[in-house]
Amino acid sequence: MSTTDQIAALLHQAAETHHIVYADTDGEDPDWATFYSDWLLHHSRLPELLAAKPVRSHLTAELVALDEHFTHSPAAGDW
């Protein structure tokens, strides 16, 4: 499995975990990117896969930017 595939799997796992944690709001969380970045840095293999531990605020900002880009793309669907 490629590194890209492994990172995609981690993002999927973060999403599943987030949905469980926020089940009472059906996954609704306006600060979702902070949850994802914290989980990815402290509870996943992301730093190992990247061979570095990103700064959480940078990772959070990148997740938000990617979400905005993806949401506004013509081929939008599931991440």
N, C-alpha and C. Protein backbone atom coordinates (compact mmCIF):
# COMPACT_ATOMS: atom_id res chain seq x y z
N MET A 1 0.85 -1.17 0.00
CA MET A 1 0.00 0.00 0.00
C MET A 1 0.89 1.24 0.00
N SER A 2 0.60 2.16 -0.89
CA SER A 2 1.41 3.38 -0.99
C SER A 2 1.20 4.28 0.23
N THR A 3 2.12 5.20 0.41
CA THR A 3 1.99 6.16 1.51
C THR A 3 0.71 6.97 1.35
N THR A 4 0.40 7.36 0.13
CA THR A 4 -0.82 8.13 -0.13
C THR A 4 -2.05 7.33 0.29
N ASP A 5 -2.08 6.05 -0.06
CA ASP A 5 -3.20 5.20 0.33
C ASP A 5 -3.30 5.06 1.85
N GLN A 6 -2.15 4.96 2.50
CA GLN A 6 -2.15 4.84 3.96
C GLN A 6 -2.65 6.13 4.62
N ILE A 7 -2.26 7.27 4.08
CA ILE A 7 -2.74 8.55 4.62
C ILE A 7 -4.24 8.69 4.37
N ALA A 8 -4.69 8.28 3.20
CA ALA A 8 -6.13 8.31 2.91
C ALA A 8 -6.90 7.43 3.89
N ALA A 9 -6.34 6.27 4.21
CA ALA A 9 -6.98 5.37 5.18
C ALA A 9 -7.02 6.02 6.56
N LEU A 10 -5.96 6.73 6.94
CA LEU A 10 -5.96 7.43 8.23
C LEU A 10 -7.00 8.53 8.28
N LEU A 11 -7.17 9.25 7.18
CA LEU A 11 -8.20 10.29 7.12
C LEU A 11 -9.59 9.67 7.26
N HIS A 12 -9.79 8.54 6.63
CA HIS A 12 -11.07 7.84 6.75
C HIS A 12 -11.29 7.39 8.20
N GLN A 13 -10.26 6.87 8.82
CA GLN A 13 -10.35 6.43 10.21
C GLN A 13 -10.62 7.62 11.14
N ALA A 14 -10.00 8.76 10.87
CA ALA A 14 -10.25 9.96 11.66
C ALA A 14 -11.71 10.38 11.52
N ALA A 15 -12.23 10.29 10.30
CA ALA A 15 -13.63 10.65 10.06
C ALA A 15 -14.57 9.72 10.82
N GLU A 16 -14.29 8.43 10.78
CA GLU A 16 -15.13 7.47 11.51
C GLU A 16 -15.07 7.73 13.02
N THR A 17 -13.88 7.99 13.52
CA THR A 17 -13.72 8.27 14.95
C THR A 17 -14.45 9.55 15.32
N HIS A 18 -14.31 10.56 14.50
CA HIS A 18 -14.99 11.84 14.74
C HIS A 18 -16.50 11.64 14.80
N HIS A 19 -17.02 10.87 13.87
CA HIS A 19 -18.47 10.65 13.84
C HIS A 19 -18.95 9.92 15.09
N ILE A 20 -18.15 9.00 15.59
CA ILE A 20 -18.50 8.30 16.84
C ILE A 20 -18.48 9.26 18.02
N VAL A 21 -17.42 10.05 18.10
CA VAL A 21 -17.28 10.99 19.22
C VAL A 21 -18.40 12.03 19.20
N TYR A 22 -18.79 12.45 18.00
CA TYR A 22 -19.83 13.47 17.86
C TYR A 22 -21.17 12.86 17.42
N ALA A 23 -21.44 11.64 17.86
CA ALA A 23 -22.68 10.95 17.48
C ALA A 23 -23.92 11.72 17.91
N ASP A 24 -23.83 12.37 19.05
CA ASP A 24 -25.01 13.10 19.54
C ASP A 24 -25.37 14.29 18.67
N THR A 25 -24.45 14.76 17.82
CA THR A 25 -24.75 15.85 16.88
C THR A 25 -24.70 15.35 15.44
N ASP A 26 -24.75 14.02 15.26
CA ASP A 26 -24.69 13.40 13.93
C ASP A 26 -23.43 13.84 13.17
N GLY A 27 -22.34 13.97 13.92
CA GLY A 27 -21.06 14.32 13.31
C GLY A 27 -20.85 15.81 13.10
N GLU A 28 -21.85 16.62 13.40
CA GLU A 28 -21.74 18.07 13.20
C GLU A 28 -20.75 18.66 14.21
N ASP A 29 -19.72 19.32 13.68
CA ASP A 29 -18.71 19.94 14.53
C ASP A 29 -18.03 21.02 13.70
N PRO A 30 -18.30 22.28 13.97
CA PRO A 30 -17.69 23.34 13.18
C PRO A 30 -16.16 23.41 13.32
N ASP A 31 -15.63 22.79 14.35
CA ASP A 31 -14.17 22.78 14.57
C ASP A 31 -13.59 21.40 14.26
N TRP A 32 -14.18 20.71 13.30
CA TRP A 32 -13.78 19.34 12.96
C TRP A 32 -12.29 19.23 12.63
N ALA A 33 -11.74 20.23 11.96
CA ALA A 33 -10.34 20.14 11.51
C ALA A 33 -9.38 20.07 12.69
N THR A 34 -9.71 20.72 13.79
CA THR A 34 -8.87 20.65 14.99
C THR A 34 -8.91 19.24 15.57
N PHE A 35 -10.11 18.65 15.60
CA PHE A 35 -10.23 17.26 16.07
C PHE A 35 -9.39 16.34 15.20
N TYR A 36 -9.54 16.46 13.87
CA TYR A 36 -8.80 15.61 12.95
C TYR A 36 -7.29 15.75 13.15
N SER A 37 -6.80 17.00 13.19
CA SER A 37 -5.35 17.19 13.29
C SER A 37 -4.83 16.65 14.61
N ASP A 38 -5.55 16.87 15.69
CA ASP A 38 -5.11 16.33 16.97
C ASP A 38 -5.09 14.81 16.94
N TRP A 39 -6.14 14.21 16.41
CA TRP A 39 -6.22 12.75 16.35
C TRP A 39 -5.12 12.20 15.44
N LEU A 40 -4.93 12.81 14.28
CA LEU A 40 -3.92 12.33 13.34
C LEU A 40 -2.51 12.40 13.93
N LEU A 41 -2.24 13.45 14.71
CA LEU A 41 -0.90 13.62 15.27
C LEU A 41 -0.65 12.78 16.52
N HIS A 42 -1.70 12.51 17.29
CA HIS A 42 -1.51 11.83 18.57
C HIS A 42 -2.03 10.39 18.63
N HIS A 43 -2.82 9.98 17.65
CA HIS A 43 -3.43 8.65 17.71
C HIS A 43 -3.32 7.88 16.40
N SER A 44 -2.45 8.30 15.54
CA SER A 44 -2.29 7.60 14.27
C SER A 44 -0.81 7.53 13.88
N ARG A 45 -0.56 6.89 12.76
CA ARG A 45 0.80 6.73 12.26
C ARG A 45 1.21 7.87 11.32
N LEU A 46 0.42 8.95 11.24
CA LEU A 46 0.74 10.02 10.30
C LEU A 46 2.16 10.56 10.45
N PRO A 47 2.59 10.92 11.66
CA PRO A 47 3.98 11.42 11.76
C PRO A 47 5.01 10.42 11.25
N GLU A 48 4.78 9.15 11.51
CA GLU A 48 5.69 8.10 11.02
C GLU A 48 5.68 8.05 9.49
N LEU A 49 4.50 8.12 8.90
CA LEU A 49 4.39 8.06 7.44
C LEU A 49 5.02 9.28 6.77
N LEU A 50 4.93 10.42 7.45
CA LEU A 50 5.53 11.65 6.90
C LEU A 50 6.99 11.81 7.28
N ALA A 51 7.47 10.97 8.17
CA ALA A 51 8.83 11.05 8.70
C ALA A 51 9.07 12.38 9.39
N ALA A 52 8.00 12.97 9.91
CA ALA A 52 8.08 14.22 10.67
C ALA A 52 6.73 14.44 11.33
N LYS A 53 6.73 15.21 12.41
CA LYS A 53 5.47 15.53 13.08
C LYS A 53 5.12 16.97 12.73
N PRO A 54 4.09 17.15 11.89
CA PRO A 54 3.71 18.51 11.52
C PRO A 54 3.23 19.31 12.74
N VAL A 55 3.28 20.61 12.62
CA VAL A 55 2.71 21.50 13.64
C VAL A 55 1.19 21.38 13.51
N ARG A 56 0.52 21.18 14.65
CA ARG A 56 -0.92 20.94 14.61
C ARG A 56 -1.68 22.07 13.92
N SER A 57 -1.33 23.31 14.20
CA SER A 57 -2.05 24.43 13.58
C SER A 57 -1.86 24.45 12.07
N HIS A 58 -0.70 24.04 11.59
CA HIS A 58 -0.46 23.97 10.15
C HIS A 58 -1.30 22.86 9.53
N LEU A 59 -1.33 21.71 10.18
CA LEU A 59 -2.14 20.60 9.68
C LEU A 59 -3.62 20.98 9.67
N THR A 60 -4.07 21.63 10.72
CA THR A 60 -5.47 22.07 10.79
C THR A 60 -5.79 23.01 9.63
N ALA A 61 -4.93 23.98 9.39
CA ALA A 61 -5.14 24.94 8.30
C ALA A 61 -5.15 24.24 6.95
N GLU A 62 -4.28 23.27 6.76
CA GLU A 62 -4.25 22.53 5.50
C GLU A 62 -5.53 21.71 5.29
N LEU A 63 -6.02 21.10 6.37
CA LEU A 63 -7.27 20.34 6.27
C LEU A 63 -8.44 21.25 5.88
N VAL A 64 -8.49 22.43 6.48
CA VAL A 64 -9.56 23.39 6.15
C VAL A 64 -9.43 23.83 4.69
N ALA A 65 -8.22 24.16 4.26
CA ALA A 65 -7.99 24.59 2.87
C ALA A 65 -8.36 23.49 1.89
N LEU A 66 -7.98 22.25 2.19
CA LEU A 66 -8.33 21.14 1.30
C LEU A 66 -9.83 20.92 1.25
N ASP A 67 -10.49 21.05 2.39
CA ASP A 67 -11.94 20.90 2.41
C ASP A 67 -12.62 21.98 1.58
N GLU A 68 -12.16 23.22 1.71
CA GLU A 68 -12.74 24.31 0.92
C GLU A 68 -12.51 24.09 -0.56
N HIS A 69 -11.31 23.68 -0.92
CA HIS A 69 -11.01 23.40 -2.33
C HIS A 69 -11.89 22.27 -2.85
N PHE A 70 -11.97 21.20 -2.10
CA PHE A 70 -12.74 20.03 -2.52
C PHE A 70 -14.23 20.37 -2.60
N THR A 71 -14.74 21.08 -1.62
CA THR A 71 -16.16 21.42 -1.58
C THR A 71 -16.56 22.28 -2.77
N HIS A 72 -15.65 23.12 -3.23
CA HIS A 72 -15.97 24.02 -4.35
C HIS A 72 -15.55 23.47 -5.71
N SER A 73 -15.05 22.24 -5.74
CA SER A 73 -14.67 21.65 -7.03
C SER A 73 -15.90 21.04 -7.69
N PRO A 74 -15.93 21.03 -9.02
CA PRO A 74 -17.09 20.48 -9.73
C PRO A 74 -17.30 18.98 -9.46
N ALA A 75 -16.28 18.28 -9.10
CA ALA A 75 -16.39 16.83 -8.89
C ALA A 75 -16.59 16.49 -7.41
N ALA A 76 -17.13 17.42 -6.64
CA ALA A 76 -17.28 17.21 -5.19
C ALA A 76 -18.15 15.99 -4.91
N GLY A 77 -17.76 15.26 -3.92
CA GLY A 77 -18.45 14.07 -3.44
C GLY A 77 -17.87 13.79 -2.08
N ASP A 78 -17.69 12.54 -1.76
CA ASP A 78 -17.01 12.21 -0.50
C ASP A 78 -15.52 12.43 -0.66
N TRP A 79 -14.88 12.82 0.45
CA TRP A 79 -13.44 12.99 0.43
C TRP A 79 -12.83 11.70 0.04
